[in-house]
Amino acid sequence: MAFEILIPDLENKPKTSKDAVINILTNKWSLSLREIYYAIKKEYNYSGSYQSVYKAVKELTELSVLKSKERKYEINIAWVKKVQSFTDIVETNYYTKQRLQRFGLKEANSGKEIMILNFETIFDAEKYLYYFMKNYLTKKKNDIICCKVSHEWKSIYYLRAEYNYYKKLLERGHRFYFMFKGNSLLEKNAKEFYKKMGLNVQNLKEYLPNDTLVFGDYFIQLFIPEKLKLAMGKALEKGDKLNLLKNVLEKPSSIKLILNKDNSLADEIKNQVLKNFKALLR
């Protein structure tokens, strides 16, 4: 079912009665129709009639933008969540489909089922991978996502949006199985962060020539030059976040990302990773 998106400019004077109503109820609630009208007049020197405010409130209520209780109105949080979800999907789709040069891509080669991307920095590669993964998984349900990495640094720079991202994927029934080799204090904290979110996490003992990520039909490998991996480990061990950011994650280099779309291969890798989580799967 379609819904109208009415997003007023909160920093400037409202251009319509509907904008004014939403603006007022963003900061003050619950208000009667009369209280809304006088609040708009006082706040914005509103010259419209009481009837126009009544009409705006009535239409916004019919659209489920507002909800009323005992003749008092407030913004409907369910509508806010719908708008947020819609804008997240639009942002993801557009961002993912933009020209790859926006991600710091140096070159790309692709076959029928394999795509090889060469990025300038680790940040560029991870940013592309994040949106690629988000674009795929937000359309699916009940997938298994497996990840094996030498060092975990992403949660150090996590935004609330990324936290919400994992939360939304868990709500869609996706299950995560992460294995990390790094054992610095920062990485131990990262493991606890993921565990508290509901992700399955274990330590990894063997050496990894590359990081791997598996979801859906995709088996993805991230190749970071050994020199950068060593620098990453040292920065994490020292807890030097600024050095990690400037001299590792944003350092110009050649970061290769291989995306292999192969259902049987993806399933085999998932099964191999899941063997390490037998106790959780019983």
Foldseek 3Di string as FASTA:
>chain_A
DDADDDDADLVDQGPALLNQLQNVLVVDDFAALVRSVVVSCVPRVDDDDSVRNVVSVVVCVVRQQWDDDPRTIHGRVVVVVVVVVVVVLVVLVVVLPPPLVVLQWDDWDDDPFKIKTKHFFLNSVVVNVVSVVLNPQVVDAQKEKEKEEAADDVVVVDDVVVLVSVLSSVVRNYAYEYEYAADAPVRVVVQVVCVVSPHHYDYDHDDDQWIWMAIDQKIKTKHDPPVLVVQCNVCRNVVPPVCCVPVRRPHTDIIMMMIGRGNVVRVVVSVVSCVVVVVVVD
